[in-house]
């Protein structure tokens, strides 16, 4: 498959027909990694009917799971799709074309990327968008902004496929030489990008450390962590960076806990 390092994650899809149509769209665009999390009343027969013969191999490989965090844990970048662009989402939302170019850059370095799509009737909630590296919004008419789930998947994957082909023509079909050299020299573990699971662990430790030094307050701490999360996501954290920052957090918490009482005041 062309997009071997890319996965489509459907969270709580309502209609089995849309799961099947998504599988067909994925086959069209050269992506066969489909994860379905907590589907509602999933009917394999209806999904197969809409997948057609081309999409059946994608359905056969499909992973059905209950826990979204567990599914996303091994991925380095998660792009969450949303039609809501108000408030804090406005500044951080990407077009499918921009997101695709960034996703392909990471994939060509050996990284794993997930495209997350929410339920047809509600989309991703604020809580779910917080776990995404970046948000993606498909431009539509203001009078009809809601897209069918499989249509949204097709549009996003089409942009990824275009970006992949363009990058392959410019740089060749293989990963960059520095990545191959790093793997051969035994330092790939430190130079690889931090996974979603590792970044979430870092955010939890950063939250504790920043609370300990009174940089953020307990009241609405998750909200004040948003710019910190956005900064880390833009930094394209490596495993070695993750190790360093976790150590800084541990040391900061130790220092606060061992400081004389009068100094802490």
C-alpha atoms as a PDB file:
ATOM      1  CA  UNK A   1       0.000   0.000   0.000  1.00  0.00           C
ATOM      2  CA  UNK A   2       1.191   3.508  -0.857  1.00  0.00           C
ATOM      3  CA  UNK A   3       0.313   5.090   2.513  1.00  0.00           C
ATOM      4  CA  UNK A   4       1.557   2.318   4.791  1.00  0.00           C
ATOM      5  CA  UNK A   5       2.383   4.652   7.687  1.00  0.00           C
ATOM      6  CA  UNK A   6      -1.028   6.321   7.682  1.00  0.00           C
ATOM      7  CA  UNK A   7      -4.122   5.170   9.585  1.00  0.00           C
ATOM      8  CA  UNK A   8      -7.738   6.296   9.556  1.00  0.00           C
ATOM      9  CA  UNK A   9      -9.436   6.217  12.961  1.00  0.00           C
ATOM     10  CA  UNK A  10     -13.233   6.412  13.115  1.00  0.00           C
ATOM     11  CA  UNK A  11     -14.438   7.263  16.605  1.00  0.00           C
ATOM     12  CA  UNK A  12     -17.955   6.138  17.526  1.00  0.00           C
ATOM     13  CA  UNK A  13     -19.280   5.948  13.937  1.00  0.00           C
ATOM     14  CA  UNK A  14     -23.064   5.802  13.891  1.00  0.00           C
ATOM     15  CA  UNK A  15     -23.712   4.041  10.572  1.00  0.00           C
ATOM     16  CA  UNK A  16     -22.127   0.782   9.434  1.00  0.00           C
ATOM     17  CA  UNK A  17     -22.695   1.913   5.836  1.00  0.00           C
ATOM     18  CA  UNK A  18     -20.257   4.769   6.404  1.00  0.00           C
ATOM     19  CA  UNK A  19     -17.623   2.379   7.728  1.00  0.00           C
ATOM     20  CA  UNK A  20     -17.939   0.381   4.512  1.00  0.00           C
ATOM     21  CA  UNK A  21     -17.828   3.493   2.328  1.00  0.00           C
ATOM     22  CA  UNK A  22     -14.755   4.662   4.237  1.00  0.00           C
ATOM     23  CA  UNK A  23     -13.022   1.340   3.520  1.00  0.00           C
ATOM     24  CA  UNK A  24     -13.714   1.804  -0.186  1.00  0.00           C
ATOM     25  CA  UNK A  25     -12.389   5.372  -0.116  1.00  0.00           C
ATOM     26  CA  UNK A  26      -9.252   4.191   1.658  1.00  0.00           C
ATOM     27  CA  UNK A  27      -8.645   1.511  -0.951  1.00  0.00           C
ATOM     28  CA  UNK A  28      -9.009   4.147  -3.688  1.00  0.00           C
ATOM     29  CA  UNK A  29      -6.303   6.271  -2.042  1.00  0.00           C
ATOM     30  CA  UNK A  30      -3.845   3.499  -1.142  1.00  0.00           C
ATOM     31  CA  UNK A  31      -4.412   3.356   2.626  1.00  0.00           C
ATOM     32  CA  UNK A  32      -5.439   0.126   4.349  1.00  0.00           C
ATOM     33  CA  UNK A  33      -5.003   0.827   8.088  1.00  0.00           C
ATOM     34  CA  UNK A  34      -8.512   1.333   9.503  1.00  0.00           C
ATOM     35  CA  UNK A  35      -9.332   1.549  13.207  1.00  0.00           C
ATOM     36  CA  UNK A  36     -12.938   1.765  14.395  1.00  0.00           C
ATOM     37  CA  UNK A  37     -13.355   2.789  18.027  1.00  0.00           C
ATOM     38  CA  UNK A  38     -16.599   2.123  19.930  1.00  0.00           C
ATOM     39  CA  UNK A  39     -18.888   1.805  16.874  1.00  0.00           C
ATOM     40  CA  UNK A  40     -22.622   2.012  17.507  1.00  0.00           C
ATOM     41  CA  UNK A  41     -24.591  -1.115  16.498  1.00  0.00           C
ATOM     42  CA  UNK A  42     -21.968  -2.194  13.976  1.00  0.00           C
ATOM     43  CA  UNK A  43     -23.341  -4.456  11.218  1.00  0.00           C
ATOM     44  CA  UNK A  44     -20.536  -6.174   9.270  1.00  0.00           C
ATOM     45  CA  UNK A  45     -22.925  -7.095   6.460  1.00  0.00           C
ATOM     46  CA  UNK A  46     -23.934  -3.492   5.764  1.00  0.00           C
ATOM     47  CA  UNK A  47     -20.305  -2.416   5.925  1.00  0.00           C
ATOM     48  CA  UNK A  48     -19.247  -5.070   3.393  1.00  0.00           C
ATOM     49  CA  UNK A  49     -22.025  -4.079   1.000  1.00  0.00           C
ATOM     50  CA  UNK A  50     -20.820  -0.466   0.842  1.00  0.00           C
ATOM     51  CA  UNK A  51     -17.136  -1.375   0.774  1.00  0.00           C
ATOM     52  CA  UNK A  52     -17.498  -3.230  -2.546  1.00  0.00           C
ATOM     53  CA  UNK A  53     -14.831  -5.706  -3.653  1.00  0.00           C
ATOM     54  CA  UNK A  54     -12.029  -3.127  -3.626  1.00  0.00           C
ATOM     55  CA  UNK A  55     -12.681  -2.113  -0.024  1.00  0.00           C
ATOM     56  CA  UNK A  56     -13.139  -5.601   1.419  1.00  0.00           C
ATOM     57  CA  UNK A  57      -9.415  -6.143   2.133  1.00  0.00           C
ATOM     58  CA  UNK A  58      -9.450  -2.939   4.217  1.00  0.00           C
ATOM     59  CA  UNK A  59     -12.437  -4.232   6.221  1.00  0.00           C
ATOM     60  CA  UNK A  60     -10.714  -7.572   6.751  1.00  0.00           C
ATOM     61  CA  UNK A  61      -7.692  -5.797   8.254  1.00  0.00           C
ATOM     62  CA  UNK A  62      -9.839  -3.374  10.260  1.00  0.00           C
ATOM     63  CA  UNK A  63      -9.234  -3.198  14.020  1.00  0.00           C
ATOM     64  CA  UNK A  64     -12.263  -2.617  16.247  1.00  0.00           C
ATOM     65  CA  UNK A  65     -11.438  -1.283  19.721  1.00  0.00           C
ATOM     66  CA  UNK A  66     -13.139   0.296  22.725  1.00  0.00           C
ATOM     67  CA  UNK A  67     -10.518   2.765  23.952  1.00  0.00           C
ATOM     68  CA  UNK A  68      -9.501   5.760  21.825  1.00  0.00           C
ATOM     69  CA  UNK A  69      -6.374   6.605  23.818  1.00  0.00           C
ATOM     70  CA  UNK A  70      -5.077   3.055  23.468  1.00  0.00           C
ATOM     71  CA  UNK A  71      -5.557   3.097  19.693  1.00  0.00           C
ATOM     72  CA  UNK A  72      -3.805   6.456  19.281  1.00  0.00           C
ATOM     73  CA  UNK A  73      -0.937   5.687  21.680  1.00  0.00           C
ATOM     74  CA  UNK A  74       1.662   4.417  19.137  1.00  0.00           C
ATOM     75  CA  UNK A  75       1.166   7.222  16.602  1.00  0.00           C
ATOM     76  CA  UNK A  76       3.505  10.198  16.448  1.00  0.00           C
ATOM     77  CA  UNK A  77       1.014  12.680  15.002  1.00  0.00           C
ATOM     78  CA  UNK A  78      -2.788  12.757  15.220  1.00  0.00           C
ATOM     79  CA  UNK A  79      -4.799  15.049  12.976  1.00  0.00           C
ATOM     80  CA  UNK A  80      -8.356  15.489  14.185  1.00  0.00           C
ATOM     81  CA  UNK A  81     -11.025  16.595  11.722  1.00  0.00           C
ATOM     82  CA  UNK A  82     -13.654  19.124  12.745  1.00  0.00           C
ATOM     83  CA  UNK A  83     -16.250  21.391  11.135  1.00  0.00           C
ATOM     84  CA  UNK A  84     -16.242  23.686  14.166  1.00  0.00           C
ATOM     85  CA  UNK A  85     -13.933  26.647  13.763  1.00  0.00           C
ATOM     86  CA  UNK A  86     -14.983  28.952  16.582  1.00  0.00           C
ATOM     87  CA  UNK A  87     -12.945  30.057  19.610  1.00  0.00           C
ATOM     88  CA  UNK A  88      -9.495  28.582  20.143  1.00  0.00           C
ATOM     89  CA  UNK A  89      -9.907  26.154  17.228  1.00  0.00           C
ATOM     90  CA  UNK A  90      -9.788  28.932  14.636  1.00  0.00           C
ATOM     91  CA  UNK A  91      -6.080  29.716  14.924  1.00  0.00           C
ATOM     92  CA  UNK A  92      -4.891  26.120  15.005  1.00  0.00           C
ATOM     93  CA  UNK A  93      -6.981  24.579  12.228  1.00  0.00           C
ATOM     94  CA  UNK A  94      -5.284  23.427   9.011  1.00  0.00           C
ATOM     95  CA  UNK A  95      -6.661  22.806   5.540  1.00  0.00           C
ATOM     96  CA  UNK A  96      -6.466  19.197   4.283  1.00  0.00           C
ATOM     97  CA  UNK A  97      -3.758  20.266   1.817  1.00  0.00           C
ATOM     98  CA  UNK A  98      -1.512  21.744   4.514  1.00  0.00           C
ATOM     99  CA  UNK A  99      -2.104  18.870   6.910  1.00  0.00           C
ATOM    100  CA  UNK A 100      -1.345  16.367   4.146  1.00  0.00           C
ATOM    101  CA  UNK A 101       2.007  17.979   3.324  1.00  0.00           C
ATOM    102  CA  UNK A 102       3.037  17.870   6.985  1.00  0.00           C
ATOM    103  CA  UNK A 103       1.785  14.321   7.407  1.00  0.00           C
ATOM    104  CA  UNK A 104       3.721  13.113   4.383  1.00  0.00           C
ATOM    105  CA  UNK A 105       6.906  14.773   5.638  1.00  0.00           C
ATOM    106  CA  UNK A 106       6.598  12.848   8.895  1.00  0.00           C
ATOM    107  CA  UNK A 107       5.651   9.590   7.148  1.00  0.00           C
ATOM    108  CA  UNK A 108       8.654   9.768   4.832  1.00  0.00           C
ATOM    109  CA  UNK A 109      10.830   9.916   7.942  1.00  0.00           C
ATOM    110  CA  UNK A 110       9.309   6.661   9.137  1.00  0.00           C
ATOM    111  CA  UNK A 111       6.751   8.200  11.498  1.00  0.00           C
ATOM    112  CA  UNK A 112       3.206   6.906  11.948  1.00  0.00           C
ATOM    113  CA  UNK A 113       0.327   9.326  11.406  1.00  0.00           C
ATOM    114  CA  UNK A 114      -3.366   8.970  12.303  1.00  0.00           C
ATOM    115  CA  UNK A 115      -6.329  10.845  10.832  1.00  0.00           C
ATOM    116  CA  UNK A 116      -9.117  10.953  13.426  1.00  0.00           C
ATOM    117  CA  UNK A 117     -12.772  11.387  12.435  1.00  0.00           C
ATOM    118  CA  UNK A 118     -15.581  11.829  14.962  1.00  0.00           C
ATOM    119  CA  UNK A 119     -19.209  10.629  14.963  1.00  0.00           C
ATOM    120  CA  UNK A 120     -21.374  11.661  12.021  1.00  0.00           C
ATOM    121  CA  UNK A 121     -23.966  13.409  14.170  1.00  0.00           C
ATOM    122  CA  UNK A 122     -21.713  15.258  16.635  1.00  0.00           C
ATOM    123  CA  UNK A 123     -18.095  15.251  15.498  1.00  0.00           C
ATOM    124  CA  UNK A 124     -15.227  15.364  17.972  1.00  0.00           C
ATOM    125  CA  UNK A 125     -15.894  16.977  21.340  1.00  0.00           C
ATOM    126  CA  UNK A 126     -13.595  19.590  22.919  1.00  0.00           C
ATOM    127  CA  UNK A 127     -12.095  16.876  25.124  1.00  0.00           C
ATOM    128  CA  UNK A 128     -11.303  14.668  22.131  1.00  0.00           C
ATOM    129  CA  UNK A 129      -9.778  17.475  20.080  1.00  0.00           C
ATOM    130  CA  UNK A 130      -7.368  18.201  22.939  1.00  0.00           C
ATOM    131  CA  UNK A 131      -5.564  14.912  22.315  1.00  0.00           C
ATOM    132  CA  UNK A 132      -4.979  15.774  18.653  1.00  0.00           C
ATOM    133  CA  UNK A 133      -1.670  17.202  17.456  1.00  0.00           C
ATOM    134  CA  UNK A 134      -3.490  19.544  15.053  1.00  0.00           C
ATOM    135  CA  UNK A 135      -7.025  20.036  13.775  1.00  0.00           C
ATOM    136  CA  UNK A 136      -8.102  19.831  10.137  1.00  0.00           C
ATOM    137  CA  UNK A 137     -11.120  21.626   8.676  1.00  0.00           C
ATOM    138  CA  UNK A 138     -12.417  20.975   5.171  1.00  0.00           C
ATOM    139  CA  UNK A 139     -13.604  24.250   3.571  1.00  0.00           C
ATOM    140  CA  UNK A 140     -17.293  24.030   2.631  1.00  0.00           C
ATOM    141  CA  UNK A 141     -20.242  26.235   1.859  1.00  0.00           C
ATOM    142  CA  UNK A 142     -21.571  28.015   4.945  1.00  0.00           C
ATOM    143  CA  UNK A 143     -25.055  26.821   4.050  1.00  0.00           C
ATOM    144  CA  UNK A 144     -24.034  23.145   4.105  1.00  0.00           C
ATOM    145  CA  UNK A 145     -20.906  22.597   6.190  1.00  0.00           C
ATOM    146  CA  UNK A 146     -21.599  18.992   7.205  1.00  0.00           C
ATOM    147  CA  UNK A 147     -19.959  16.271   5.100  1.00  0.00           C
ATOM    148  CA  UNK A 148     -20.720  12.579   4.934  1.00  0.00           C
ATOM    149  CA  UNK A 149     -18.090  10.678   6.940  1.00  0.00           C
ATOM    150  CA  UNK A 150     -16.671   8.726   4.006  1.00  0.00           C
ATOM    151  CA  UNK A 151     -16.625  11.897   1.873  1.00  0.00           C
ATOM    152  CA  UNK A 152     -14.517  13.639   4.512  1.00  0.00           C
ATOM    153  CA  UNK A 153     -12.132  10.672   4.641  1.00  0.00           C
ATOM    154  CA  UNK A 154     -11.832  10.641   0.853  1.00  0.00           C
ATOM    155  CA  UNK A 155     -11.018  14.365   0.665  1.00  0.00           C
ATOM    156  CA  UNK A 156      -8.318  14.155   3.329  1.00  0.00           C
ATOM    157  CA  UNK A 157      -6.730  11.000   1.892  1.00  0.00           C
ATOM    158  CA  UNK A 158      -6.798  12.454  -1.619  1.00  0.00           C
ATOM    159  CA  UNK A 159      -4.672  15.359  -0.412  1.00  0.00           C
ATOM    160  CA  UNK A 160      -2.298  12.970   1.366  1.00  0.00           C
ATOM    161  CA  UNK A 161      -1.946  10.827  -1.755  1.00  0.00           C
ATOM    162  CA  UNK A 162      -1.183  13.915  -3.878  1.00  0.00           C
ATOM    163  CA  UNK A 163       1.406  15.125  -1.384  1.00  0.00           C
ATOM    164  CA  UNK A 164       3.015  11.674  -1.214  1.00  0.00           C
ATOM    165  CA  UNK A 165       3.345  11.414  -4.970  1.00  0.00           C
ATOM    166  CA  UNK A 166       4.748  14.926  -5.244  1.00  0.00           C
ATOM    167  CA  UNK A 167       7.318  14.233  -2.529  1.00  0.00           C
ATOM    168  CA  UNK A 168       8.285  10.925  -4.132  1.00  0.00           C
ATOM    169  CA  UNK A 169       8.912  12.581  -7.479  1.00  0.00           C
ATOM    170  CA  UNK A 170      11.063  15.273  -5.869  1.00  0.00           C
ATOM    171  CA  UNK A 171      13.083  13.148  -3.463  1.00  0.00           C
ATOM    172  CA  UNK A 172      12.735   9.545  -4.584  1.00  0.00           C
ATOM    173  CA  UNK A 173      10.450   6.877  -3.147  1.00  0.00           C
ATOM    174  CA  UNK A 174      12.513   5.882  -0.103  1.00  0.00           C
ATOM    175  CA  UNK A 175      12.956   7.558   3.268  1.00  0.00           C
ATOM    176  CA  UNK A 176      15.667  10.214   3.608  1.00  0.00           C
ATOM    177  CA  UNK A 177      19.216   8.992   3.900  1.00  0.00           C
ATOM    178  CA  UNK A 178      19.794  10.508   7.376  1.00  0.00           C
ATOM    179  CA  UNK A 179      16.972   8.349   8.740  1.00  0.00           C
ATOM    180  CA  UNK A 180      18.506   5.204   7.236  1.00  0.00           C
ATOM    181  CA  UNK A 181      21.906   6.111   8.654  1.00  0.00           C
ATOM    182  CA  UNK A 182      20.424   6.723  12.099  1.00  0.00           C
ATOM    183  CA  UNK A 183      18.729   3.331  12.077  1.00  0.00           C
ATOM    184  CA  UNK A 184      21.949   1.641  10.984  1.00  0.00           C
ATOM    185  CA  UNK A 185      24.062   3.311  13.665  1.00  0.00           C
ATOM    186  CA  UNK A 186      21.789   2.227  16.527  1.00  0.00           C
ATOM    187  CA  UNK A 187      20.542   5.692  17.530  1.00  0.00           C
ATOM    188  CA  UNK A 188      17.135   5.462  15.873  1.00  0.00           C
ATOM    189  CA  UNK A 189      15.389   5.131  19.237  1.00  0.00           C
ATOM    190  CA  UNK A 190      16.634   8.546  20.354  1.00  0.00           C
ATOM    191  CA  UNK A 191      16.111  10.296  17.023  1.00  0.00           C
ATOM    192  CA  UNK A 192      12.616   8.999  16.304  1.00  0.00           C
ATOM    193  CA  UNK A 193       9.670  11.284  16.933  1.00  0.00           C
ATOM    194  CA  UNK A 194       7.941  10.970  20.299  1.00  0.00           C
ATOM    195  CA  UNK A 195       4.722   8.977  20.126  1.00  0.00           C
ATOM    196  CA  UNK A 196       1.306  10.264  21.136  1.00  0.00           C
ATOM    197  CA  UNK A 197       1.467   8.137  24.287  1.00  0.00           C
ATOM    198  CA  UNK A 198       4.843   9.632  25.243  1.00  0.00           C
ATOM    199  CA  UNK A 199       3.679  13.192  24.600  1.00  0.00           C
ATOM    200  CA  UNK A 200       0.563  12.649  26.719  1.00  0.00           C
ATOM    201  CA  UNK A 201       2.783  11.360  29.540  1.00  0.00           C
ATOM    202  CA  UNK A 202       4.947  14.469  29.149  1.00  0.00           C
ATOM    203  CA  UNK A 203       1.917  16.778  29.282  1.00  0.00           C
ATOM    204  CA  UNK A 204       0.777  15.136  32.500  1.00  0.00           C
ATOM    205  CA  UNK A 205       4.242  15.572  34.053  1.00  0.00           C
ATOM    206  CA  UNK A 206       4.529  19.163  32.773  1.00  0.00           C
ATOM    207  CA  UNK A 207       1.145  19.947  34.312  1.00  0.00           C
ATOM    208  CA  UNK A 208       2.325  18.644  37.686  1.00  0.00           C
ATOM    209  CA  UNK A 209       5.613  20.559  37.485  1.00  0.00           C
ATOM    210  CA  UNK A 210       4.028  23.838  36.371  1.00  0.00           C
ATOM    211  CA  UNK A 211       1.466  23.598  39.163  1.00  0.00           C
ATOM    212  CA  UNK A 212       4.258  22.918  41.637  1.00  0.00           C
ATOM    213  CA  UNK A 213       6.112  26.110  40.687  1.00  0.00           C
ATOM    214  CA  UNK A 214       2.878  28.162  40.463  1.00  0.00           C
ATOM    215  CA  UNK A 215       3.327  28.851  36.756  1.00  0.00           C
ATOM    216  CA  UNK A 216      -0.256  27.697  36.234  1.00  0.00           C
ATOM    217  CA  UNK A 217      -3.049  27.516  38.809  1.00  0.00           C
ATOM    218  CA  UNK A 218      -5.143  24.529  39.816  1.00  0.00           C
ATOM    219  CA  UNK A 219      -8.271  26.422  38.792  1.00  0.00           C
ATOM    220  CA  UNK A 220      -8.819  25.555  35.104  1.00  0.00           C
ATOM    221  CA  UNK A 221      -5.311  24.124  34.741  1.00  0.00           C
ATOM    222  CA  UNK A 222      -6.197  22.164  31.609  1.00  0.00           C
ATOM    223  CA  UNK A 223      -7.141  25.383  29.837  1.00  0.00           C
ATOM    224  CA  UNK A 224      -3.835  27.054  30.738  1.00  0.00           C
ATOM    225  CA  UNK A 225      -2.005  23.961  29.497  1.00  0.00           C
ATOM    226  CA  UNK A 226      -3.342  24.484  25.965  1.00  0.00           C
ATOM    227  CA  UNK A 227      -0.554  26.882  24.832  1.00  0.00           C
ATOM    228  CA  UNK A 228       2.031  24.537  26.361  1.00  0.00           C
ATOM    229  CA  UNK A 229       0.613  21.596  24.408  1.00  0.00           C
ATOM    230  CA  UNK A 230       0.513  23.667  21.210  1.00  0.00           C
ATOM    231  CA  UNK A 231       4.149  24.704  21.686  1.00  0.00           C
ATOM    232  CA  UNK A 232       5.310  21.100  22.160  1.00  0.00           C
ATOM    233  CA  UNK A 233       3.356  19.910  19.122  1.00  0.00           C
ATOM    234  CA  UNK A 234       4.985  22.580  16.949  1.00  0.00           C
ATOM    235  CA  UNK A 235       8.423  21.559  18.218  1.00  0.00           C
ATOM    236  CA  UNK A 236       8.220  18.065  16.626  1.00  0.00           C
ATOM    237  CA  UNK A 237       9.553  16.393  19.752  1.00  0.00           C
ATOM    238  CA  UNK A 238      12.093  13.571  19.436  1.00  0.00           C
ATOM    239  CA  UNK A 239      12.481  10.737  21.943  1.00  0.00           C
ATOM    240  CA  UNK A 240      15.693  12.338  23.241  1.00  0.00           C
ATOM    241  CA  UNK A 241      13.800  15.631  23.782  1.00  0.00           C
ATOM    242  CA  UNK A 242      11.090  13.705  25.621  1.00  0.00           C
ATOM    243  CA  UNK A 243      13.680  12.122  27.937  1.00  0.00           C
ATOM    244  CA  UNK A 244      15.266  15.506  28.665  1.00  0.00           C
ATOM    245  CA  UNK A 245      11.989  17.304  29.418  1.00  0.00           C
ATOM    246  CA  UNK A 246      10.734  14.498  31.631  1.00  0.00           C
ATOM    247  CA  UNK A 247      13.994  14.802  33.576  1.00  0.00           C
ATOM    248  CA  UNK A 248      13.589  18.581  33.886  1.00  0.00           C
ATOM    249  CA  UNK A 249      10.062  18.106  35.246  1.00  0.00           C
ATOM    250  CA  UNK A 250      11.198  15.509  37.767  1.00  0.00           C
ATOM    251  CA  UNK A 251      14.023  17.759  38.958  1.00  0.00           C
ATOM    252  CA  UNK A 252      11.730  20.780  39.256  1.00  0.00           C
ATOM    253  CA  UNK A 253       9.254  18.823  41.353  1.00  0.00           C
ATOM    254  CA  UNK A 254      12.051  17.440  43.513  1.00  0.00           C
ATOM    255  CA  UNK A 255      13.492  20.944  44.026  1.00  0.00           C
ATOM    256  CA  UNK A 256      10.108  22.348  45.059  1.00  0.00           C
ATOM    257  CA  UNK A 257       9.473  19.454  47.400  1.00  0.00           C
ATOM    258  CA  UNK A 258      12.882  19.804  49.052  1.00  0.00           C
ATOM    259  CA  UNK A 259      13.082  23.595  49.227  1.00  0.00           C
ATOM    260  CA  UNK A 260      13.134  25.136  52.728  1.00  0.00           C
ATOM    261  CA  UNK A 261       9.680  26.230  53.838  1.00  0.00           C
ATOM    262  CA  UNK A 262      10.619  29.915  54.045  1.00  0.00           C
ATOM    263  CA  UNK A 263      11.962  29.894  50.479  1.00  0.00           C
ATOM    264  CA  UNK A 264       8.837  28.259  49.140  1.00  0.00           C
ATOM    265  CA  UNK A 265       6.792  31.088  50.610  1.00  0.00           C
END
